[in-house]
Amino acid sequence: MAGKNDEAFRSIGEVAEDLDLPPHVLRFWETRFGELDPVKRAGGRRFYRARDVELLKALRHLLYGQGYTIKGVQRLLREQGARALVESVQSGRALEPAPAEAPPPRAEPPHLPPPPQERLEPVVSLAPASNLPALIAEPFQSVGLSEEDEKQLRLALADLAEARRLLMQGRE
């Protein structure tokens, strides 16, 4: 976002591009983290303040980089507050999660078998092929992913399918 003052308001598109996230993820996070409260203008356009962008960066780091769950981050926000959470992430200090909300291990827990191929087929059929990223439409091995990366992508894909199922269920 070159050229803009650090304190300037940012559109959802600008913030999404800066964080390398789709805008719908930012809108979803607003429903889960009350501390995110962008200014909404006519027509529902969102504009994020600098403090909102800092919090979004911290959330992205915790959820995607550290493996926290949404509930785990919500608990951290309740216990430490948004400012302390942002400062901890920015400074690289270790967070002190409550024992019940420690980040999950990066490897798949031994009690969960890897998702069967049959389970992935309905996921692919949820959306038209034209909307699927090339990574999902082709076998994972053809793009040179390690076995661990493939496992993580399959888990993420299964999580997304479950989220979509819940969203669709909520619309009915």
C-alpha atoms as a PDB file:
ATOM      1  CA  MET A   1       0.000   0.000   0.000  1.00  0.00           C
ATOM      2  CA  ALA A   2       2.682   2.385  -1.057  1.00  0.00           C
ATOM      3  CA  GLY A   3       1.877   6.048  -1.197  1.00  0.00           C
ATOM      4  CA  LYS A   4      -0.670   6.109   1.624  1.00  0.00           C
ATOM      5  CA  ASN A   5      -0.070   7.644   5.003  1.00  0.00           C
ATOM      6  CA  ASP A   6       0.229   4.982   7.709  1.00  0.00           C
ATOM      7  CA  GLU A   7      -2.794   6.487   9.462  1.00  0.00           C
ATOM      8  CA  ALA A   8      -4.979   6.608   6.320  1.00  0.00           C
ATOM      9  CA  PHE A   9      -8.071   4.466   6.174  1.00  0.00           C
ATOM     10  CA  ARG A  10      -7.727   1.344   4.020  1.00  0.00           C
ATOM     11  CA  SER A  11     -10.425  -0.310   1.959  1.00  0.00           C
ATOM     12  CA  ILE A  12     -11.148  -3.981   2.492  1.00  0.00           C
ATOM     13  CA  GLY A  13      -9.562  -4.706  -0.883  1.00  0.00           C
ATOM     14  CA  GLU A  14      -6.330  -2.939   0.064  1.00  0.00           C
ATOM     15  CA  VAL A  15      -6.104  -4.721   3.402  1.00  0.00           C
ATOM     16  CA  ALA A  16      -6.984  -8.093   1.869  1.00  0.00           C
ATOM     17  CA  GLU A  17      -4.255  -7.653  -0.745  1.00  0.00           C
ATOM     18  CA  ASP A  18      -1.715  -6.541   1.873  1.00  0.00           C
ATOM     19  CA  LEU A  19      -2.466  -9.597   4.042  1.00  0.00           C
ATOM     20  CA  ASP A  20      -2.777 -11.968   1.062  1.00  0.00           C
ATOM     21  CA  LEU A  21      -6.260 -12.984   2.179  1.00  0.00           C
ATOM     22  CA  PRO A  22      -9.593 -12.914   0.379  1.00  0.00           C
ATOM     23  CA  PRO A  23     -11.924 -10.097   1.525  1.00  0.00           C
ATOM     24  CA  HIS A  24     -14.538 -12.604   2.711  1.00  0.00           C
ATOM     25  CA  VAL A  25     -12.063 -13.871   5.324  1.00  0.00           C
ATOM     26  CA  LEU A  26     -11.793 -10.357   6.755  1.00  0.00           C
ATOM     27  CA  ARG A  27     -15.583 -10.047   6.859  1.00  0.00           C
ATOM     28  CA  PHE A  28     -15.803 -13.457   8.554  1.00  0.00           C
ATOM     29  CA  TRP A  29     -13.216 -12.446  11.155  1.00  0.00           C
ATOM     30  CA  GLU A  30     -15.336  -9.377  11.966  1.00  0.00           C
ATOM     31  CA  THR A  31     -18.103 -11.773  13.035  1.00  0.00           C
ATOM     32  CA  ARG A  32     -15.728 -13.709  15.289  1.00  0.00           C
ATOM     33  CA  PHE A  33     -13.588 -10.945  16.766  1.00  0.00           C
ATOM     34  CA  GLY A  34     -15.615  -8.034  18.140  1.00  0.00           C
ATOM     35  CA  GLU A  35     -12.433  -5.998  18.488  1.00  0.00           C
ATOM     36  CA  LEU A  36     -12.445  -5.643  14.688  1.00  0.00           C
ATOM     37  CA  ASP A  37     -14.780  -2.797  13.932  1.00  0.00           C
ATOM     38  CA  PRO A  38     -14.039  -1.074  10.628  1.00  0.00           C
ATOM     39  CA  VAL A  39     -15.792   2.140   9.737  1.00  0.00           C
ATOM     40  CA  LYS A  40     -18.716   1.403   7.425  1.00  0.00           C
ATOM     41  CA  ARG A  41     -19.693   4.023   4.896  1.00  0.00           C
ATOM     42  CA  ALA A  42     -22.707   4.308   2.632  1.00  0.00           C
ATOM     43  CA  GLY A  43     -23.451   1.087   0.840  1.00  0.00           C
ATOM     44  CA  GLY A  44     -21.689  -0.947   3.543  1.00  0.00           C
ATOM     45  CA  ARG A  45     -18.155  -0.176   2.292  1.00  0.00           C
ATOM     46  CA  ARG A  46     -15.612  -1.004   4.974  1.00  0.00           C
ATOM     47  CA  PHE A  47     -12.619   1.125   5.818  1.00  0.00           C
ATOM     48  CA  TYR A  48     -10.006  -0.105   8.253  1.00  0.00           C
ATOM     49  CA  ARG A  49      -8.067   2.133  10.625  1.00  0.00           C
ATOM     50  CA  ALA A  50      -4.343   1.529  11.254  1.00  0.00           C
ATOM     51  CA  ARG A  51      -5.178  -0.229  14.559  1.00  0.00           C
ATOM     52  CA  ASP A  52      -7.599  -2.553  12.720  1.00  0.00           C
ATOM     53  CA  VAL A  53      -4.887  -3.450  10.203  1.00  0.00           C
ATOM     54  CA  GLU A  54      -2.421  -4.175  13.035  1.00  0.00           C
ATOM     55  CA  LEU A  55      -4.965  -6.450  14.706  1.00  0.00           C
ATOM     56  CA  LEU A  56      -5.714  -8.210  11.413  1.00  0.00           C
ATOM     57  CA  LYS A  57      -1.992  -8.848  10.906  1.00  0.00           C
ATOM     58  CA  ALA A  58      -1.753 -10.292  14.423  1.00  0.00           C
ATOM     59  CA  LEU A  59      -4.831 -12.477  13.845  1.00  0.00           C
ATOM     60  CA  ARG A  60      -3.398 -13.751  10.574  1.00  0.00           C
ATOM     61  CA  HIS A  61      -0.109 -14.590  12.285  1.00  0.00           C
ATOM     62  CA  LEU A  62      -1.805 -16.434  15.152  1.00  0.00           C
ATOM     63  CA  LEU A  63      -4.320 -18.320  13.024  1.00  0.00           C
ATOM     64  CA  TYR A  64      -2.143 -19.188  10.039  1.00  0.00           C
ATOM     65  CA  GLY A  65       1.408 -18.887  11.368  1.00  0.00           C
ATOM     66  CA  GLN A  66       1.036 -20.250  14.887  1.00  0.00           C
ATOM     67  CA  GLY A  67      -1.862 -22.647  14.351  1.00  0.00           C
ATOM     68  CA  TYR A  68      -4.242 -21.161  16.910  1.00  0.00           C
ATOM     69  CA  THR A  69      -7.930 -21.876  16.589  1.00  0.00           C
ATOM     70  CA  ILE A  70     -10.466 -19.061  16.447  1.00  0.00           C
ATOM     71  CA  LYS A  71     -11.580 -19.975  19.966  1.00  0.00           C
ATOM     72  CA  GLY A  72      -7.979 -19.884  21.136  1.00  0.00           C
ATOM     73  CA  VAL A  73      -7.447 -16.405  19.705  1.00  0.00           C
ATOM     74  CA  GLN A  74     -10.770 -15.246  21.181  1.00  0.00           C
ATOM     75  CA  ARG A  75      -9.561 -16.425  24.571  1.00  0.00           C
ATOM     76  CA  LEU A  76      -6.232 -14.607  24.144  1.00  0.00           C
ATOM     77  CA  LEU A  77      -8.118 -11.432  23.230  1.00  0.00           C
ATOM     78  CA  ARG A  78     -10.327 -11.772  26.321  1.00  0.00           C
ATOM     79  CA  GLU A  79      -7.389 -12.430  28.639  1.00  0.00           C
ATOM     80  CA  GLN A  80      -4.788 -10.049  27.182  1.00  0.00           C
ATOM     81  CA  GLY A  81      -6.735  -7.512  25.133  1.00  0.00           C
ATOM     82  CA  ALA A  82      -6.205  -6.537  21.519  1.00  0.00           C
ATOM     83  CA  ARG A  83      -3.376  -4.038  22.154  1.00  0.00           C
ATOM     84  CA  ALA A  84      -1.309  -6.522  24.203  1.00  0.00           C
ATOM     85  CA  LEU A  85      -1.911  -9.238  21.625  1.00  0.00           C
ATOM     86  CA  VAL A  86      -0.764  -6.993  18.752  1.00  0.00           C
ATOM     87  CA  GLU A  87       2.308  -5.865  20.698  1.00  0.00           C
ATOM     88  CA  SER A  88       3.224  -9.465  21.559  1.00  0.00           C
ATOM     89  CA  VAL A  89       3.018 -10.528  17.931  1.00  0.00           C
ATOM     90  CA  GLN A  90       4.890  -7.444  16.659  1.00  0.00           C
ATOM     91  CA  SER A  91       7.706  -7.888  19.172  1.00  0.00           C
ATOM     92  CA  GLY A  92       7.943 -11.636  18.607  1.00  0.00           C
ATOM     93  CA  ARG A  93       7.367 -12.331  22.307  1.00  0.00           C
ATOM     94  CA  ALA A  94       5.893 -15.694  23.106  1.00  0.00           C
ATOM     95  CA  LEU A  95       2.233 -15.574  24.044  1.00  0.00           C
ATOM     96  CA  GLU A  96       1.133 -17.218  27.233  1.00  0.00           C
ATOM     97  CA  PRO A  97      -1.980 -19.152  26.247  1.00  0.00           C
ATOM     98  CA  ALA A  98      -4.064 -20.864  28.848  1.00  0.00           C
ATOM     99  CA  PRO A  99      -3.160 -24.581  28.906  1.00  0.00           C
ATOM    100  CA  ALA A 100      -6.478 -25.613  27.360  1.00  0.00           C
ATOM    101  CA  GLU A 101      -5.911 -23.286  24.413  1.00  0.00           C
ATOM    102  CA  ALA A 102      -2.311 -24.042  23.522  1.00  0.00           C
ATOM    103  CA  PRO A 103      -1.732 -24.085  19.773  1.00  0.00           C
ATOM    104  CA  PRO A 104      -2.445 -27.477  18.256  1.00  0.00           C
ATOM    105  CA  PRO A 105       0.524 -29.529  17.154  1.00  0.00           C
ATOM    106  CA  ARG A 106       1.553 -28.932  13.552  1.00  0.00           C
ATOM    107  CA  ALA A 107       1.430 -32.628  12.681  1.00  0.00           C
ATOM    108  CA  GLU A 108      -1.847 -34.467  12.470  1.00  0.00           C
ATOM    109  CA  PRO A 109      -2.779 -36.060  15.825  1.00  0.00           C
ATOM    110  CA  PRO A 110      -2.245 -39.823  15.820  1.00  0.00           C
ATOM    111  CA  HIS A 111      -5.900 -40.560  16.678  1.00  0.00           C
ATOM    112  CA  LEU A 112      -7.113 -38.952  13.435  1.00  0.00           C
ATOM    113  CA  PRO A 113      -6.517 -40.913  10.243  1.00  0.00           C
ATOM    114  CA  PRO A 114      -5.570 -38.909   7.166  1.00  0.00           C
ATOM    115  CA  PRO A 115      -8.662 -37.748   5.286  1.00  0.00           C
ATOM    116  CA  PRO A 116      -9.694 -40.456   2.838  1.00  0.00           C
ATOM    117  CA  GLN A 117      -9.753 -39.567  -0.846  1.00  0.00           C
ATOM    118  CA  GLU A 118     -13.503 -40.250  -0.912  1.00  0.00           C
ATOM    119  CA  ARG A 119     -14.010 -37.472   1.633  1.00  0.00           C
ATOM    120  CA  LEU A 120     -12.332 -34.963  -0.693  1.00  0.00           C
ATOM    121  CA  GLU A 121     -14.490 -35.737  -3.704  1.00  0.00           C
ATOM    122  CA  PRO A 122     -17.658 -34.070  -2.316  1.00  0.00           C
ATOM    123  CA  VAL A 123     -15.556 -31.020  -1.431  1.00  0.00           C
ATOM    124  CA  VAL A 124     -14.528 -30.552  -5.041  1.00  0.00           C
ATOM    125  CA  SER A 125     -18.109 -30.940  -6.220  1.00  0.00           C
ATOM    126  CA  LEU A 126     -19.377 -28.155  -3.910  1.00  0.00           C
ATOM    127  CA  ALA A 127     -18.314 -25.440  -6.331  1.00  0.00           C
ATOM    128  CA  PRO A 128     -18.123 -25.273 -10.095  1.00  0.00           C
ATOM    129  CA  ALA A 129     -14.709 -26.247 -11.420  1.00  0.00           C
ATOM    130  CA  SER A 130     -14.221 -22.736 -12.821  1.00  0.00           C
ATOM    131  CA  ASN A 131     -14.190 -21.379  -9.252  1.00  0.00           C
ATOM    132  CA  LEU A 132     -11.656 -23.859  -7.939  1.00  0.00           C
ATOM    133  CA  PRO A 133      -8.047 -22.785  -7.680  1.00  0.00           C
ATOM    134  CA  ALA A 134      -5.734 -24.750  -9.941  1.00  0.00           C
ATOM    135  CA  LEU A 135      -4.123 -26.259  -6.863  1.00  0.00           C
ATOM    136  CA  ILE A 136      -7.350 -28.036  -5.908  1.00  0.00           C
ATOM    137  CA  ALA A 137      -8.304 -28.999  -9.442  1.00  0.00           C
ATOM    138  CA  GLU A 138      -5.024 -30.877 -10.043  1.00  0.00           C
ATOM    139  CA  PRO A 139      -3.368 -33.542  -7.918  1.00  0.00           C
ATOM    140  CA  PHE A 140      -1.215 -31.998  -5.209  1.00  0.00           C
ATOM    141  CA  GLN A 141       1.888 -33.944  -6.242  1.00  0.00           C
ATOM    142  CA  SER A 142       1.956 -32.319  -9.667  1.00  0.00           C
ATOM    143  CA  VAL A 143       2.837 -28.958  -8.105  1.00  0.00           C
ATOM    144  CA  GLY A 144       5.806 -30.354  -6.181  1.00  0.00           C
ATOM    145  CA  LEU A 145       4.485 -30.239  -2.616  1.00  0.00           C
ATOM    146  CA  SER A 146       6.086 -32.203   0.164  1.00  0.00           C
ATOM    147  CA  GLU A 147       4.050 -34.935   1.806  1.00  0.00           C
ATOM    148  CA  GLU A 148       3.612 -32.770   4.924  1.00  0.00           C
ATOM    149  CA  ASP A 149       2.442 -29.771   2.858  1.00  0.00           C
ATOM    150  CA  GLU A 150      -0.001 -31.977   0.998  1.00  0.00           C
ATOM    151  CA  LYS A 151      -1.359 -33.292   4.301  1.00  0.00           C
ATOM    152  CA  GLN A 152      -1.782 -29.733   5.616  1.00  0.00           C
ATOM    153  CA  LEU A 153      -3.561 -28.651   2.409  1.00  0.00           C
ATOM    154  CA  ARG A 154      -5.905 -31.628   2.564  1.00  0.00           C
ATOM    155  CA  LEU A 155      -6.754 -30.789   6.179  1.00  0.00           C
ATOM    156  CA  ALA A 156      -7.343 -27.153   5.250  1.00  0.00           C
ATOM    157  CA  LEU A 157      -9.527 -28.233   2.341  1.00  0.00           C
ATOM    158  CA  ALA A 158     -11.586 -30.443   4.641  1.00  0.00           C
ATOM    159  CA  ASP A 159     -11.944 -27.534   7.113  1.00  0.00           C
ATOM    160  CA  LEU A 160     -13.076 -25.233   4.311  1.00  0.00           C
ATOM    161  CA  ALA A 161     -15.599 -27.797   3.143  1.00  0.00           C
ATOM    162  CA  GLU A 162     -17.003 -28.041   6.668  1.00  0.00           C
ATOM    163  CA  ALA A 163     -17.158 -24.242   6.950  1.00  0.00           C
ATOM    164  CA  ARG A 164     -18.984 -24.060   3.618  1.00  0.00           C
ATOM    165  CA  ARG A 165     -21.405 -26.780   4.739  1.00  0.00           C
ATOM    166  CA  LEU A 166     -22.168 -24.818   7.894  1.00  0.00           C
ATOM    167  CA  LEU A 167     -22.627 -21.596   5.931  1.00  0.00           C
ATOM    168  CA  MET A 168     -24.966 -23.291   3.483  1.00  0.00           C
ATOM    169  CA  GLN A 169     -26.867 -24.885   6.371  1.00  0.00           C
ATOM    170  CA  GLY A 170     -27.251 -21.437   7.974  1.00  0.00           C
ATOM    171  CA  ARG A 171     -28.736 -20.027   4.762  1.00  0.00           C
ATOM    172  CA  GLU A 172     -31.459 -22.665   4.602  1.00  0.00           C
END
